[in-house]
Amino acid sequence: MAELPSAAVIRIAKANGAERVGSDATKVLIEKAEEYIGQLTKEATKLATHAGRKTLKEEDIDLASQNISK
């Protein structure tokens, strides 16, 4: 079940140049965004754990996003 609200995803798509967003495209955008957030969180959690923390920090997210994009 999708967690992200479709209205927010549509607003983001429109803010980035999409004139209109179909319901099928919205569904896929939500799936891909949630998948990316999940991967990013897993990687950031590894980094925080390695640093001896349970709390994710901005630096964990930044480093994780660099690792994922490689």
N, C-alpha and C. Protein backbone atom coordinates (compact mmCIF):
# COMPACT_ATOMS: atom_id res chain seq x y z
N MET A 1 0.84 -1.18 0.00
CA MET A 1 0.00 0.00 0.00
C MET A 1 0.89 1.24 0.00
N ALA A 2 0.55 2.20 -0.81
CA ALA A 2 1.32 3.42 -0.93
C ALA A 2 1.17 4.29 0.31
N GLU A 3 2.28 4.86 0.71
CA GLU A 3 2.30 5.73 1.88
C GLU A 3 2.30 7.20 1.48
N LEU A 4 2.95 7.52 0.36
CA LEU A 4 3.03 8.91 -0.08
C LEU A 4 1.70 9.35 -0.68
N PRO A 5 1.26 10.54 -0.36
CA PRO A 5 0.00 11.03 -0.93
C PRO A 5 0.18 11.40 -2.41
N SER A 6 -0.76 10.98 -3.22
CA SER A 6 -0.65 11.22 -4.66
C SER A 6 -0.64 12.72 -4.99
N ALA A 7 -1.37 13.52 -4.24
CA ALA A 7 -1.41 14.96 -4.52
C ALA A 7 -0.02 15.58 -4.38
N ALA A 8 0.73 15.15 -3.38
CA ALA A 8 2.08 15.68 -3.18
C ALA A 8 3.00 15.26 -4.33
N VAL A 9 2.86 14.02 -4.77
CA VAL A 9 3.69 13.52 -5.87
C VAL A 9 3.36 14.26 -7.16
N ILE A 10 2.10 14.51 -7.39
CA ILE A 10 1.68 15.25 -8.59
C ILE A 10 2.23 16.68 -8.53
N ARG A 11 2.16 17.32 -7.37
CA ARG A 11 2.72 18.67 -7.22
C ARG A 11 4.21 18.69 -7.53
N ILE A 12 4.94 17.70 -7.05
CA ILE A 12 6.38 17.62 -7.31
C ILE A 12 6.64 17.44 -8.80
N ALA A 13 5.88 16.57 -9.44
CA ALA A 13 6.04 16.33 -10.88
C ALA A 13 5.76 17.61 -11.67
N LYS A 14 4.70 18.31 -11.31
CA LYS A 14 4.35 19.55 -12.01
C LYS A 14 5.39 20.64 -11.76
N ALA A 15 5.93 20.69 -10.56
CA ALA A 15 6.96 21.68 -10.25
C ALA A 15 8.25 21.42 -11.03
N ASN A 16 8.36 20.21 -11.56
CA ASN A 16 9.55 19.84 -12.33
C ASN A 16 9.26 19.69 -13.81
N GLY A 17 8.20 20.33 -14.27
CA GLY A 17 7.96 20.43 -15.70
C GLY A 17 6.81 19.65 -16.29
N ALA A 18 6.22 18.72 -15.54
CA ALA A 18 5.10 17.95 -16.08
C ALA A 18 3.86 18.84 -16.13
N GLU A 19 3.24 18.89 -17.29
CA GLU A 19 2.02 19.68 -17.42
C GLU A 19 0.84 18.94 -16.81
N ARG A 20 0.77 17.65 -17.10
CA ARG A 20 -0.28 16.80 -16.55
C ARG A 20 0.35 15.47 -16.16
N VAL A 21 -0.25 14.81 -15.16
CA VAL A 21 0.27 13.53 -14.69
C VAL A 21 -0.90 12.55 -14.60
N GLY A 22 -0.83 11.48 -15.37
CA GLY A 22 -1.89 10.48 -15.37
C GLY A 22 -1.86 9.65 -14.10
N SER A 23 -2.97 9.01 -13.81
CA SER A 23 -3.06 8.22 -12.58
C SER A 23 -2.08 7.05 -12.60
N ASP A 24 -1.87 6.45 -13.79
CA ASP A 24 -0.90 5.35 -13.88
C ASP A 24 0.52 5.85 -13.63
N ALA A 25 0.84 7.03 -14.14
CA ALA A 25 2.16 7.62 -13.92
C ALA A 25 2.33 7.99 -12.45
N THR A 26 1.30 8.50 -11.82
CA THR A 26 1.35 8.86 -10.41
C THR A 26 1.65 7.62 -9.57
N LYS A 27 0.99 6.53 -9.90
CA LYS A 27 1.20 5.28 -9.17
C LYS A 27 2.65 4.82 -9.28
N VAL A 28 3.21 4.88 -10.46
CA VAL A 28 4.59 4.45 -10.67
C VAL A 28 5.56 5.40 -9.97
N LEU A 29 5.29 6.70 -10.06
CA LEU A 29 6.14 7.68 -9.36
C LEU A 29 6.16 7.41 -7.85
N ILE A 30 5.02 7.11 -7.29
CA ILE A 30 4.93 6.81 -5.86
C ILE A 30 5.73 5.55 -5.53
N GLU A 31 5.56 4.51 -6.33
CA GLU A 31 6.29 3.25 -6.10
C GLU A 31 7.79 3.47 -6.15
N LYS A 32 8.26 4.20 -7.17
CA LYS A 32 9.70 4.45 -7.34
C LYS A 32 10.24 5.33 -6.22
N ALA A 33 9.49 6.33 -5.82
CA ALA A 33 9.92 7.23 -4.74
C ALA A 33 10.03 6.45 -3.43
N GLU A 34 9.04 5.63 -3.14
CA GLU A 34 9.07 4.84 -1.91
C GLU A 34 10.21 3.83 -1.92
N GLU A 35 10.47 3.25 -3.08
CA GLU A 35 11.58 2.32 -3.24
C GLU A 35 12.92 3.03 -2.97
N TYR A 36 13.07 4.22 -3.54
CA TYR A 36 14.30 4.99 -3.35
C TYR A 36 14.47 5.39 -1.88
N ILE A 37 13.40 5.86 -1.27
CA ILE A 37 13.47 6.25 0.15
C ILE A 37 13.85 5.04 1.01
N GLY A 38 13.31 3.88 0.69
CA GLY A 38 13.65 2.67 1.42
C GLY A 38 15.13 2.32 1.30
N GLN A 39 15.66 2.38 0.08
CA GLN A 39 17.08 2.10 -0.15
C GLN A 39 17.95 3.12 0.57
N LEU A 40 17.57 4.38 0.47
CA LEU A 40 18.31 5.45 1.10
C LEU A 40 18.33 5.28 2.62
N THR A 41 17.20 4.92 3.20
CA THR A 41 17.10 4.73 4.64
C THR A 41 17.95 3.55 5.10
N LYS A 42 17.92 2.45 4.35
CA LYS A 42 18.73 1.28 4.72
C LYS A 42 20.21 1.63 4.73
N GLU A 43 20.66 2.33 3.69
CA GLU A 43 22.07 2.71 3.60
C GLU A 43 22.44 3.71 4.70
N ALA A 44 21.58 4.68 4.95
CA ALA A 44 21.84 5.68 5.99
C ALA A 44 21.85 5.03 7.37
N THR A 45 21.01 4.03 7.59
CA THR A 45 20.98 3.32 8.86
C THR A 45 22.29 2.58 9.10
N LYS A 46 22.83 1.98 8.05
CA LYS A 46 24.14 1.32 8.17
C LYS A 46 25.20 2.33 8.61
N LEU A 47 25.18 3.50 8.00
CA LEU A 47 26.17 4.53 8.34
C LEU A 47 26.01 5.02 9.77
N ALA A 48 24.79 5.24 10.20
CA ALA A 48 24.54 5.70 11.57
C ALA A 48 24.96 4.62 12.57
N THR A 49 24.65 3.38 12.28
CA THR A 49 25.02 2.27 13.15
C THR A 49 26.54 2.18 13.26
N HIS A 50 27.22 2.31 12.14
CA HIS A 50 28.68 2.28 12.12
C HIS A 50 29.26 3.40 12.99
N ALA A 51 28.58 4.53 13.03
CA ALA A 51 29.01 5.67 13.84
C ALA A 51 28.56 5.55 15.29
N GLY A 52 27.88 4.45 15.63
CA GLY A 52 27.44 4.23 17.01
C GLY A 52 26.18 4.98 17.39
N ARG A 53 25.37 5.32 16.38
CA ARG A 53 24.14 6.06 16.63
C ARG A 53 22.93 5.27 16.16
N LYS A 54 21.79 5.56 16.78
CA LYS A 54 20.52 5.01 16.32
C LYS A 54 19.75 6.05 15.50
N THR A 55 20.09 7.31 15.72
CA THR A 55 19.39 8.41 15.05
C THR A 55 20.05 8.73 13.72
N LEU A 56 19.24 8.78 12.66
CA LEU A 56 19.75 9.20 11.37
C LEU A 56 19.96 10.71 11.38
N LYS A 57 21.07 11.13 10.81
CA LYS A 57 21.37 12.55 10.69
C LYS A 57 21.47 12.92 9.22
N GLU A 58 21.46 14.22 8.99
CA GLU A 58 21.56 14.73 7.62
C GLU A 58 22.79 14.16 6.92
N GLU A 59 23.89 14.08 7.62
CA GLU A 59 25.13 13.57 7.02
C GLU A 59 24.99 12.12 6.57
N ASP A 60 24.21 11.33 7.31
CA ASP A 60 23.98 9.93 6.92
C ASP A 60 23.21 9.87 5.61
N ILE A 61 22.20 10.70 5.50
CA ILE A 61 21.39 10.73 4.29
C ILE A 61 22.22 11.20 3.11
N ASP A 62 23.01 12.26 3.31
CA ASP A 62 23.87 12.77 2.23
C ASP A 62 24.85 11.71 1.74
N LEU A 63 25.54 11.06 2.67
CA LEU A 63 26.50 10.02 2.29
C LEU A 63 25.80 8.82 1.63
N ALA A 64 24.65 8.45 2.18
CA ALA A 64 23.90 7.33 1.61
C ALA A 64 23.46 7.62 0.19
N SER A 65 23.04 8.84 -0.07
CA SER A 65 22.58 9.18 -1.43
C SER A 65 23.74 9.12 -2.41
N GLN A 66 24.94 9.45 -1.97
CA GLN A 66 26.13 9.34 -2.83
C GLN A 66 26.44 7.88 -3.11
N ASN A 67 26.30 7.04 -2.10
CA ASN A 67 26.58 5.61 -2.27
C ASN A 67 25.57 4.94 -3.19
N ILE A 68 24.32 5.33 -3.09
CA ILE A 68 23.26 4.73 -3.92
C ILE A 68 23.41 5.15 -5.38
N SER A 69 23.79 6.38 -5.62
CA SER A 69 23.85 6.88 -6.99
C SER A 69 25.05 6.36 -7.77
N LYS A 70 25.95 5.63 -7.10
CA LYS A 70 27.14 5.09 -7.78
C LYS A 70 26.79 3.88 -8.60
